Amino acid sequence: MGEVEIVESGSLDGLTAGWENFGERTRIMLFGARVDRHALRNHGRTVAIEESAVSVFYRPREERLEMSELGINHSAASFQFVDVAMADLGRWMQPLIGQGWKRGEVQIVAAKGTSFDSEKWTCFHHPAMSLPNEIPLYQAPASLIRKAFVTHPGPILDVSSDSDMDAIVASMTTEIVSTTVVEEQEESEPVDVQNDGPEEAPEPIPLDEEEIPPMVEQKEESPLEAELRQVISLLVAGGQEMGDIMEHPQFVEVSERASAAGVDVWGMFVRLSEDS
């Protein structure tokens, strides 16, 4: 069983120093919903990786006003930074990509009153979370000292622990509401009742029936189409450029079988290229 070790105070730089000597590594950001935090903390228990990985969550404080000015709803978001072996990136991201998470890039910039070089991070985001162009922080992500979660290599959870995976799937598919979620005990802080009171939920805008678009029946994918989509998604997650994927042996093998079965491989590839 994969084991997640909790380090009460650590950073990506501090906990992974020297690990690059044992193989190529990469760092990614996960921009999820606040309700996903518990599931993401246990995510390492559900994947079979071959090298240890480290993740650190960050809760914005001083940057909140600046984030709000940029349109980032920090109260509904979860900010997680992950250091993982390049060979394990596909394994780490596969369950999230299967739930609709998207890949993009975000610029991490120094918040007002602090200074560090801007950094461009590969960022995977929850399908219900809009990825901003930039995120202001008071420290560079790799030097943030917070509670860290170190995942050691091991197989995925056994049958007796299916509830953990169920919790992840449920949270990934839950509709995200932009309301402040009560923080966990260790992150609690005094609340200014005058300034931080609950906001009134906006009234829904009524729609006339003719304004509601008709529902489009989704065509069910064949097993080969699903396999092809998964291969492309995992290669993208592993850092492959879309232009190089068609030459990758893994893609070539499944695309040949799909073409022989009548699948529109090129059309599917173009659609996924546009989505990425």
C-alpha atoms as a PDB file:
ATOM      1  CA  MET A   1       0.000   0.000   0.000  1.00  0.00           C
ATOM      2  CA  GLY A   2       1.253   3.490  -0.797  1.00  0.00           C
ATOM      3  CA  GLU A   3       2.193   5.427   2.317  1.00  0.00           C
ATOM      4  CA  VAL A   4       1.660   9.161   2.814  1.00  0.00           C
ATOM      5  CA  GLU A   5       3.997  10.624   5.414  1.00  0.00           C
ATOM      6  CA  ILE A   6       3.051  13.982   6.936  1.00  0.00           C
ATOM      7  CA  VAL A   7       5.886  16.420   7.578  1.00  0.00           C
ATOM      8  CA  GLU A   8       4.690  19.225   9.829  1.00  0.00           C
ATOM      9  CA  SER A   9       7.068  21.832   8.382  1.00  0.00           C
ATOM     10  CA  GLY A  10       8.802  21.463   5.046  1.00  0.00           C
ATOM     11  CA  SER A  11       9.232  22.892   1.547  1.00  0.00           C
ATOM     12  CA  LEU A  12       9.646  21.368  -1.906  1.00  0.00           C
ATOM     13  CA  ASP A  13      13.246  22.567  -2.106  1.00  0.00           C
ATOM     14  CA  GLY A  14      14.122  21.368   1.377  1.00  0.00           C
ATOM     15  CA  LEU A  15      12.482  17.952   1.184  1.00  0.00           C
ATOM     16  CA  THR A  16      13.676  17.015  -2.315  1.00  0.00           C
ATOM     17  CA  ALA A  17      17.269  18.297  -2.171  1.00  0.00           C
ATOM     18  CA  GLY A  18      19.470  15.884  -4.140  1.00  0.00           C
ATOM     19  CA  TRP A  19      16.603  13.771  -5.457  1.00  0.00           C
ATOM     20  CA  GLU A  20      17.336  14.918  -9.024  1.00  0.00           C
ATOM     21  CA  ASN A  21      20.468  12.751  -8.899  1.00  0.00           C
ATOM     22  CA  PHE A  22      18.252   9.656  -9.004  1.00  0.00           C
ATOM     23  CA  GLY A  23      16.261  10.649 -12.070  1.00  0.00           C
ATOM     24  CA  GLU A  24      14.527  13.535 -13.796  1.00  0.00           C
ATOM     25  CA  ARG A  25      11.850  15.275 -11.756  1.00  0.00           C
ATOM     26  CA  THR A  26       9.227  17.921 -12.456  1.00  0.00           C
ATOM     27  CA  ARG A  27       7.059  20.302 -10.480  1.00  0.00           C
ATOM     28  CA  ILE A  28       3.428  21.078 -11.114  1.00  0.00           C
ATOM     29  CA  MET A  29       0.667  23.081  -9.504  1.00  0.00           C
ATOM     30  CA  LEU A  30      -2.810  21.712  -8.819  1.00  0.00           C
ATOM     31  CA  PHE A  31      -5.484  24.411  -8.798  1.00  0.00           C
ATOM     32  CA  GLY A  32      -8.491  22.681  -7.330  1.00  0.00           C
ATOM     33  CA  ALA A  33     -11.622  23.448  -5.386  1.00  0.00           C
ATOM     34  CA  ARG A  34     -11.390  23.928  -1.620  1.00  0.00           C
ATOM     35  CA  VAL A  35     -13.713  20.955  -1.106  1.00  0.00           C
ATOM     36  CA  ASP A  36     -11.105  18.764  -2.840  1.00  0.00           C
ATOM     37  CA  ARG A  37      -8.377  19.369  -0.272  1.00  0.00           C
ATOM     38  CA  HIS A  38      -9.019  16.276   1.850  1.00  0.00           C
ATOM     39  CA  ALA A  39      -9.140  14.073  -1.243  1.00  0.00           C
ATOM     40  CA  LEU A  40      -5.972  15.597  -2.699  1.00  0.00           C
ATOM     41  CA  ARG A  41      -4.113  15.070   0.573  1.00  0.00           C
ATOM     42  CA  ASN A  42      -4.835  11.365   0.257  1.00  0.00           C
ATOM     43  CA  HIS A  43      -4.275  11.259  -3.495  1.00  0.00           C
ATOM     44  CA  GLY A  44      -0.849   9.667  -3.056  1.00  0.00           C
ATOM     45  CA  ARG A  45      -2.475   6.626  -1.459  1.00  0.00           C
ATOM     46  CA  THR A  46      -4.392   5.888  -4.660  1.00  0.00           C
ATOM     47  CA  VAL A  47      -1.557   5.911  -7.202  1.00  0.00           C
ATOM     48  CA  ALA A  48       1.286   3.456  -7.754  1.00  0.00           C
ATOM     49  CA  ILE A  49       4.377   5.593  -8.255  1.00  0.00           C
ATOM     50  CA  GLU A  50       7.977   4.405  -8.444  1.00  0.00           C
ATOM     51  CA  GLU A  51       9.708   7.355  -6.758  1.00  0.00           C
ATOM     52  CA  SER A  52       8.721   9.444  -3.737  1.00  0.00           C
ATOM     53  CA  ALA A  53       6.668  12.583  -4.372  1.00  0.00           C
ATOM     54  CA  VAL A  54       6.112  15.662  -2.215  1.00  0.00           C
ATOM     55  CA  SER A  55       3.144  18.014  -2.141  1.00  0.00           C
ATOM     56  CA  VAL A  56       2.633  21.245  -0.215  1.00  0.00           C
ATOM     57  CA  PHE A  57      -0.653  23.107   0.190  1.00  0.00           C
ATOM     58  CA  TYR A  58      -0.716  26.885   0.418  1.00  0.00           C
ATOM     59  CA  ARG A  59      -3.446  29.003   1.974  1.00  0.00           C
ATOM     60  CA  PRO A  60      -3.277  32.627   0.808  1.00  0.00           C
ATOM     61  CA  ARG A  61      -3.380  35.261   3.514  1.00  0.00           C
ATOM     62  CA  GLU A  62      -1.678  38.595   2.751  1.00  0.00           C
ATOM     63  CA  GLU A  63      -2.289  38.051  -0.981  1.00  0.00           C
ATOM     64  CA  ARG A  64      -6.064  37.698  -0.655  1.00  0.00           C
ATOM     65  CA  LEU A  65      -6.979  41.242  -1.666  1.00  0.00           C
ATOM     66  CA  GLU A  66      -4.571  41.191  -4.596  1.00  0.00           C
ATOM     67  CA  MET A  67      -5.961  37.835  -5.739  1.00  0.00           C
ATOM     68  CA  SER A  68      -9.504  39.160  -5.527  1.00  0.00           C
ATOM     69  CA  GLU A  69      -8.527  42.140  -7.676  1.00  0.00           C
ATOM     70  CA  LEU A  70      -7.297  39.653 -10.306  1.00  0.00           C
ATOM     71  CA  GLY A  71     -10.602  37.767 -10.192  1.00  0.00           C
ATOM     72  CA  ILE A  72      -9.284  34.781  -8.221  1.00  0.00           C
ATOM     73  CA  ASN A  73     -11.794  33.415  -5.707  1.00  0.00           C
ATOM     74  CA  HIS A  74      -9.257  32.298  -3.110  1.00  0.00           C
ATOM     75  CA  SER A  75     -11.966  31.247  -0.652  1.00  0.00           C
ATOM     76  CA  ALA A  76     -13.195  28.554  -3.046  1.00  0.00           C
ATOM     77  CA  ALA A  77      -9.793  27.466  -4.361  1.00  0.00           C
ATOM     78  CA  SER A  78      -7.110  25.025  -3.292  1.00  0.00           C
ATOM     79  CA  PHE A  79      -3.453  25.729  -4.116  1.00  0.00           C
ATOM     80  CA  GLN A  80      -1.143  22.713  -4.128  1.00  0.00           C
ATOM     81  CA  PHE A  81       2.442  22.430  -5.364  1.00  0.00           C
ATOM     82  CA  VAL A  82       3.825  18.978  -6.206  1.00  0.00           C
ATOM     83  CA  ASP A  83       7.320  17.631  -6.878  1.00  0.00           C
ATOM     84  CA  VAL A  84       7.142  14.267  -8.665  1.00  0.00           C
ATOM     85  CA  ALA A  85       9.434  12.108 -10.782  1.00  0.00           C
ATOM     86  CA  MET A  86       8.920  12.796 -14.483  1.00  0.00           C
ATOM     87  CA  ALA A  87       8.310   9.089 -15.061  1.00  0.00           C
ATOM     88  CA  ASP A  88       5.517   9.165 -12.444  1.00  0.00           C
ATOM     89  CA  LEU A  89       3.734  12.278 -13.701  1.00  0.00           C
ATOM     90  CA  GLY A  90       1.293  10.324 -15.857  1.00  0.00           C
ATOM     91  CA  ARG A  91       0.535   7.924 -12.981  1.00  0.00           C
ATOM     92  CA  TRP A  92      -0.022  10.839 -10.587  1.00  0.00           C
ATOM     93  CA  MET A  93      -2.336  12.731 -12.919  1.00  0.00           C
ATOM     94  CA  GLN A  94      -4.264   9.863 -14.545  1.00  0.00           C
ATOM     95  CA  PRO A  95      -7.106   9.741 -11.955  1.00  0.00           C
ATOM     96  CA  LEU A  96      -7.552  13.529 -12.092  1.00  0.00           C
ATOM     97  CA  ILE A  97      -7.443  13.710 -15.887  1.00  0.00           C
ATOM     98  CA  GLY A  98     -10.060  10.961 -15.895  1.00  0.00           C
ATOM     99  CA  GLN A  99     -12.260  13.298 -13.846  1.00  0.00           C
ATOM    100  CA  GLY A 100     -11.854  16.135 -16.355  1.00  0.00           C
ATOM    101  CA  TRP A 101      -8.902  18.092 -14.963  1.00  0.00           C
ATOM    102  CA  LYS A 102      -7.228  20.250 -17.624  1.00  0.00           C
ATOM    103  CA  ARG A 103      -3.600  21.136 -18.252  1.00  0.00           C
ATOM    104  CA  GLY A 104      -2.415  24.716 -18.646  1.00  0.00           C
ATOM    105  CA  GLU A 105       0.255  27.163 -17.537  1.00  0.00           C
ATOM    106  CA  VAL A 106       0.175  29.889 -14.908  1.00  0.00           C
ATOM    107  CA  GLN A 107       2.648  32.608 -13.994  1.00  0.00           C
ATOM    108  CA  ILE A 108       3.530  32.780 -10.294  1.00  0.00           C
ATOM    109  CA  VAL A 109       4.452  36.390  -9.517  1.00  0.00           C
ATOM    110  CA  ALA A 110       5.642  38.214  -6.407  1.00  0.00           C
ATOM    111  CA  ALA A 111       2.831  39.839  -4.467  1.00  0.00           C
ATOM    112  CA  LYS A 112       3.056  43.516  -3.551  1.00  0.00           C
ATOM    113  CA  GLY A 113       5.648  44.156  -0.874  1.00  0.00           C
ATOM    114  CA  THR A 114       7.796  41.125  -1.680  1.00  0.00           C
ATOM    115  CA  SER A 115      10.246  40.126  -4.369  1.00  0.00           C
ATOM    116  CA  PHE A 116      11.244  36.981  -6.246  1.00  0.00           C
ATOM    117  CA  ASP A 117      11.640  36.073  -9.910  1.00  0.00           C
ATOM    118  CA  SER A 118       8.402  35.188 -11.685  1.00  0.00           C
ATOM    119  CA  GLU A 119       8.009  31.493 -12.424  1.00  0.00           C
ATOM    120  CA  LYS A 120       5.931  29.749 -15.073  1.00  0.00           C
ATOM    121  CA  TRP A 121       4.334  26.547 -13.712  1.00  0.00           C
ATOM    122  CA  THR A 122       2.539  23.749 -15.491  1.00  0.00           C
ATOM    123  CA  CYS A 123      -0.835  23.773 -13.786  1.00  0.00           C
ATOM    124  CA  PHE A 124      -3.616  21.191 -13.779  1.00  0.00           C
ATOM    125  CA  HIS A 125      -6.955  22.642 -12.754  1.00  0.00           C
ATOM    126  CA  HIS A 126     -10.323  21.299 -11.728  1.00  0.00           C
ATOM    127  CA  PRO A 127     -12.811  21.543 -14.634  1.00  0.00           C
ATOM    128  CA  ALA A 128     -15.004  23.902 -12.609  1.00  0.00           C
ATOM    129  CA  MET A 129     -12.120  26.246 -11.731  1.00  0.00           C
ATOM    130  CA  SER A 130     -11.066  28.914 -14.227  1.00  0.00           C
ATOM    131  CA  LEU A 131      -7.288  29.042 -14.484  1.00  0.00           C
ATOM    132  CA  PRO A 132      -5.989  32.629 -14.038  1.00  0.00           C
ATOM    133  CA  ASN A 133      -3.124  34.011 -16.079  1.00  0.00           C
ATOM    134  CA  GLU A 134      -1.095  34.763 -12.968  1.00  0.00           C
ATOM    135  CA  ILE A 135      -1.201  34.117  -9.235  1.00  0.00           C
ATOM    136  CA  PRO A 136       0.507  36.481  -6.763  1.00  0.00           C
ATOM    137  CA  LEU A 137       2.273  34.856  -3.794  1.00  0.00           C
ATOM    138  CA  TYR A 138       4.373  36.181  -0.931  1.00  0.00           C
ATOM    139  CA  GLN A 139       7.043  33.503  -1.470  1.00  0.00           C
ATOM    140  CA  ALA A 140       8.306  31.421  -4.376  1.00  0.00           C
ATOM    141  CA  PRO A 141       6.332  28.121  -4.406  1.00  0.00           C
ATOM    142  CA  ALA A 142       9.357  25.857  -3.917  1.00  0.00           C
ATOM    143  CA  SER A 143      10.455  27.713  -0.771  1.00  0.00           C
ATOM    144  CA  LEU A 144       7.066  27.790   0.957  1.00  0.00           C
ATOM    145  CA  ILE A 145       7.431  26.079   4.340  1.00  0.00           C
ATOM    146  CA  ARG A 146       4.137  24.430   5.237  1.00  0.00           C
ATOM    147  CA  LYS A 147       2.740  21.055   6.222  1.00  0.00           C
ATOM    148  CA  ALA A 148       3.972  18.688   3.509  1.00  0.00           C
ATOM    149  CA  PHE A 149       2.706  15.318   2.318  1.00  0.00           C
ATOM    150  CA  VAL A 150       5.398  12.868   1.220  1.00  0.00           C
ATOM    151  CA  THR A 151       4.130   9.908  -0.808  1.00  0.00           C
ATOM    152  CA  HIS A 152       6.404   6.877  -0.784  1.00  0.00           C
ATOM    153  CA  PRO A 153       6.294   4.286  -3.603  1.00  0.00           C
ATOM    154  CA  GLY A 154       3.795   1.505  -3.245  1.00  0.00           C
ATOM    155  CA  PRO A 155       0.776  -0.122  -4.900  1.00  0.00           C
ATOM    156  CA  ILE A 156      -2.642   1.489  -4.882  1.00  0.00           C
ATOM    157  CA  LEU A 157      -5.020   0.976  -1.997  1.00  0.00           C
ATOM    158  CA  ASP A 158      -6.501  -2.463  -1.503  1.00  0.00           C
ATOM    159  CA  VAL A 159     -10.228  -3.242  -1.618  1.00  0.00           C
ATOM    160  CA  SER A 160     -10.715  -2.494   2.060  1.00  0.00           C
ATOM    161  CA  SER A 161      -9.834   1.155   1.411  1.00  0.00           C
ATOM    162  CA  ASP A 162     -12.171   1.817  -1.506  1.00  0.00           C
ATOM    163  CA  SER A 163     -13.840   4.556   0.539  1.00  0.00           C
ATOM    164  CA  ASP A 164     -10.829   6.813   0.013  1.00  0.00           C
ATOM    165  CA  MET A 165     -11.080   6.531  -3.766  1.00  0.00           C
ATOM    166  CA  ASP A 166     -14.853   7.038  -3.579  1.00  0.00           C
ATOM    167  CA  ALA A 167     -14.243  10.264  -1.682  1.00  0.00           C
ATOM    168  CA  ILE A 168     -11.880  11.481  -4.412  1.00  0.00           C
ATOM    169  CA  VAL A 169     -14.265  10.655  -7.240  1.00  0.00           C
ATOM    170  CA  ALA A 170     -17.185  12.246  -5.394  1.00  0.00           C
ATOM    171  CA  SER A 171     -15.325  15.458  -4.709  1.00  0.00           C
ATOM    172  CA  MET A 172     -14.004  15.769  -8.266  1.00  0.00           C
ATOM    173  CA  THR A 173     -17.507  15.505  -9.724  1.00  0.00           C
ATOM    174  CA  THR A 174     -19.256  17.730  -7.168  1.00  0.00           C
ATOM    175  CA  GLU A 175     -20.554  21.037  -8.463  1.00  0.00           C
ATOM    176  CA  ILE A 176     -18.283  23.760  -7.116  1.00  0.00           C
ATOM    177  CA  VAL A 177     -19.948  26.596  -5.235  1.00  0.00           C
ATOM    178  CA  SER A 178     -18.023  29.795  -4.601  1.00  0.00           C
ATOM    179  CA  THR A 179     -18.618  30.019  -0.871  1.00  0.00           C
ATOM    180  CA  THR A 180     -16.068  30.028   1.907  1.00  0.00           C
ATOM    181  CA  VAL A 181     -15.476  26.574   3.332  1.00  0.00           C
ATOM    182  CA  VAL A 182     -14.771  26.268   7.046  1.00  0.00           C
ATOM    183  CA  GLU A 183     -11.047  25.740   7.540  1.00  0.00           C
ATOM    184  CA  GLU A 184      -9.614  22.794   9.427  1.00  0.00           C
ATOM    185  CA  GLN A 185      -8.659  23.121  13.083  1.00  0.00           C
ATOM    186  CA  GLU A 186      -4.965  23.657  12.516  1.00  0.00           C
ATOM    187  CA  GLU A 187      -5.601  26.504  10.067  1.00  0.00           C
ATOM    188  CA  SER A 188      -8.244  28.370  12.077  1.00  0.00           C
ATOM    189  CA  GLU A 189      -7.891  32.089  12.660  1.00  0.00           C
ATOM    190  CA  PRO A 190      -9.975  34.860  14.314  1.00  0.00           C
ATOM    191  CA  VAL A 191     -12.816  36.173  12.205  1.00  0.00           C
ATOM    192  CA  ASP A 192     -13.646  39.846  11.967  1.00  0.00           C
ATOM    193  CA  VAL A 193     -17.431  39.758  12.098  1.00  0.00           C
ATOM    194  CA  GLN A 194     -17.751  43.225  10.641  1.00  0.00           C
ATOM    195  CA  ASN A 195     -15.581  42.559   7.578  1.00  0.00           C
ATOM    196  CA  ASP A 196     -15.776  38.788   7.033  1.00  0.00           C
ATOM    197  CA  GLY A 197     -19.470  38.139   7.483  1.00  0.00           C
ATOM    198  CA  PRO A 198     -21.269  35.822   5.062  1.00  0.00           C
ATOM    199  CA  GLU A 199     -22.057  37.317   1.698  1.00  0.00           C
ATOM    200  CA  GLU A 200     -25.545  37.140   0.291  1.00  0.00           C
ATOM    201  CA  ALA A 201     -25.831  34.666  -2.556  1.00  0.00           C
ATOM    202  CA  PRO A 202     -26.734  36.385  -5.847  1.00  0.00           C
ATOM    203  CA  GLU A 203     -30.209  35.859  -7.191  1.00  0.00           C
ATOM    204  CA  PRO A 204     -30.301  33.464 -10.155  1.00  0.00           C
ATOM    205  CA  ILE A 205     -31.043  35.086 -13.495  1.00  0.00           C
ATOM    206  CA  PRO A 206     -34.293  33.696 -14.910  1.00  0.00           C
ATOM    207  CA  LEU A 207     -34.169  32.324 -18.445  1.00  0.00           C
ATOM    208  CA  ASP A 208     -36.953  32.051 -20.944  1.00  0.00           C
ATOM    209  CA  GLU A 209     -37.458  28.558 -22.303  1.00  0.00           C
ATOM    210  CA  GLU A 210     -36.282  29.611 -25.754  1.00  0.00           C
ATOM    211  CA  GLU A 211     -32.991  30.830 -24.251  1.00  0.00           C
ATOM    212  CA  ILE A 212     -32.124  27.425 -22.856  1.00  0.00           C
ATOM    213  CA  PRO A 213     -29.964  25.495 -25.351  1.00  0.00           C
ATOM    214  CA  PRO A 214     -31.206  22.032 -26.257  1.00  0.00           C
ATOM    215  CA  MET A 215     -29.467  19.078 -24.682  1.00  0.00           C
ATOM    216  CA  VAL A 216     -27.154  17.262 -27.052  1.00  0.00           C
ATOM    217  CA  GLU A 217     -27.043  13.526 -26.726  1.00  0.00           C
ATOM    218  CA  GLN A 218     -23.460  12.439 -26.210  1.00  0.00           C
ATOM    219  CA  LYS A 219     -22.244   9.607 -28.391  1.00  0.00           C
ATOM    220  CA  GLU A 220     -20.845   6.800 -26.291  1.00  0.00           C
ATOM    221  CA  GLU A 221     -17.158   6.174 -26.903  1.00  0.00           C
ATOM    222  CA  SER A 222     -15.944   2.785 -27.988  1.00  0.00           C
ATOM    223  CA  PRO A 223     -13.246   1.081 -25.862  1.00  0.00           C
ATOM    224  CA  LEU A 224     -10.627   1.938 -28.506  1.00  0.00           C
ATOM    225  CA  GLU A 225     -11.678   5.612 -28.572  1.00  0.00           C
ATOM    226  CA  ALA A 226     -11.453   5.739 -24.790  1.00  0.00           C
ATOM    227  CA  GLU A 227      -8.011   4.096 -24.881  1.00  0.00           C
ATOM    228  CA  LEU A 228      -6.802   6.540 -27.532  1.00  0.00           C
ATOM    229  CA  ARG A 229      -8.084   9.535 -25.547  1.00  0.00           C
ATOM    230  CA  GLN A 230      -6.368   8.253 -22.394  1.00  0.00           C
ATOM    231  CA  VAL A 231      -3.030   7.703 -24.170  1.00  0.00           C
ATOM    232  CA  ILE A 232      -3.066  11.241 -25.578  1.00  0.00           C
ATOM    233  CA  SER A 233      -4.029  12.736 -22.200  1.00  0.00           C
ATOM    234  CA  LEU A 234      -1.280  10.861 -20.358  1.00  0.00           C
ATOM    235  CA  LEU A 235       1.363  11.839 -22.926  1.00  0.00           C
ATOM    236  CA  VAL A 236       0.328  15.486 -22.589  1.00  0.00           C
ATOM    237  CA  ALA A 237       0.469  15.164 -18.794  1.00  0.00           C
ATOM    238  CA  GLY A 238       3.957  13.727 -19.144  1.00  0.00           C
ATOM    239  CA  GLY A 239       5.129  16.864 -20.932  1.00  0.00           C
ATOM    240  CA  GLN A 240       4.890  15.717 -24.560  1.00  0.00           C
ATOM    241  CA  GLU A 241       4.107  18.454 -27.067  1.00  0.00           C
ATOM    242  CA  MET A 242       1.031  17.794 -29.197  1.00  0.00           C
ATOM    243  CA  GLY A 243       3.191  17.944 -32.324  1.00  0.00           C
ATOM    244  CA  ASP A 244       5.390  15.094 -31.060  1.00  0.00           C
ATOM    245  CA  ILE A 245       2.656  12.798 -29.791  1.00  0.00           C
ATOM    246  CA  MET A 246       1.807  11.338 -33.219  1.00  0.00           C
ATOM    247  CA  GLU A 247       5.369   9.968 -33.440  1.00  0.00           C
ATOM    248  CA  HIS A 248       5.330   8.479 -29.957  1.00  0.00           C
ATOM    249  CA  PRO A 249       5.380   4.628 -30.012  1.00  0.00           C
ATOM    250  CA  GLN A 250       2.563   4.428 -27.462  1.00  0.00           C
ATOM    251  CA  PHE A 251       0.306   6.590 -29.651  1.00  0.00           C
ATOM    252  CA  VAL A 252       1.308   4.846 -32.875  1.00  0.00           C
ATOM    253  CA  GLU A 253       0.423   1.416 -31.487  1.00  0.00           C
ATOM    254  CA  VAL A 254      -3.076   2.312 -30.281  1.00  0.00           C
ATOM    255  CA  SER A 255      -3.836   4.584 -33.261  1.00  0.00           C
ATOM    256  CA  GLU A 256      -3.105   1.767 -35.706  1.00  0.00           C
ATOM    257  CA  ARG A 257      -5.567  -0.507 -33.928  1.00  0.00           C
ATOM    258  CA  ALA A 258      -8.135   2.292 -33.707  1.00  0.00           C
ATOM    259  CA  SER A 259      -7.818   3.155 -37.421  1.00  0.00           C
ATOM    260  CA  ALA A 260      -8.269  -0.496 -38.359  1.00  0.00           C
ATOM    261  CA  ALA A 261     -11.503  -0.490 -36.350  1.00  0.00           C
ATOM    262  CA  GLY A 262     -12.829   2.575 -38.167  1.00  0.00           C
ATOM    263  CA  VAL A 263     -12.075   5.232 -35.537  1.00  0.00           C
ATOM    264  CA  ASP A 264     -11.479   8.762 -36.865  1.00  0.00           C
ATOM    265  CA  VAL A 265      -8.046   9.040 -35.240  1.00  0.00           C
ATOM    266  CA  TRP A 266      -7.087  12.320 -36.905  1.00  0.00           C
ATOM    267  CA  GLY A 267     -10.374  14.016 -36.039  1.00  0.00           C
ATOM    268  CA  MET A 268     -10.093  12.884 -32.437  1.00  0.00           C
ATOM    269  CA  PHE A 269      -6.477  14.072 -32.242  1.00  0.00           C
ATOM    270  CA  VAL A 270      -7.447  17.518 -33.585  1.00  0.00           C
ATOM    271  CA  ARG A 271     -10.289  17.870 -31.060  1.00  0.00           C
ATOM    272  CA  LEU A 272      -8.015  16.958 -28.152  1.00  0.00           C
ATOM    273  CA  SER A 273      -5.320  19.316 -29.467  1.00  0.00           C
ATOM    274  CA  GLU A 274      -7.824  22.187 -29.386  1.00  0.00           C
ATOM    275  CA  ASP A 275      -8.955  21.259 -25.854  1.00  0.00           C
ATOM    276  CA  SER A 276      -5.385  21.178 -24.540  1.00  0.00           C
END
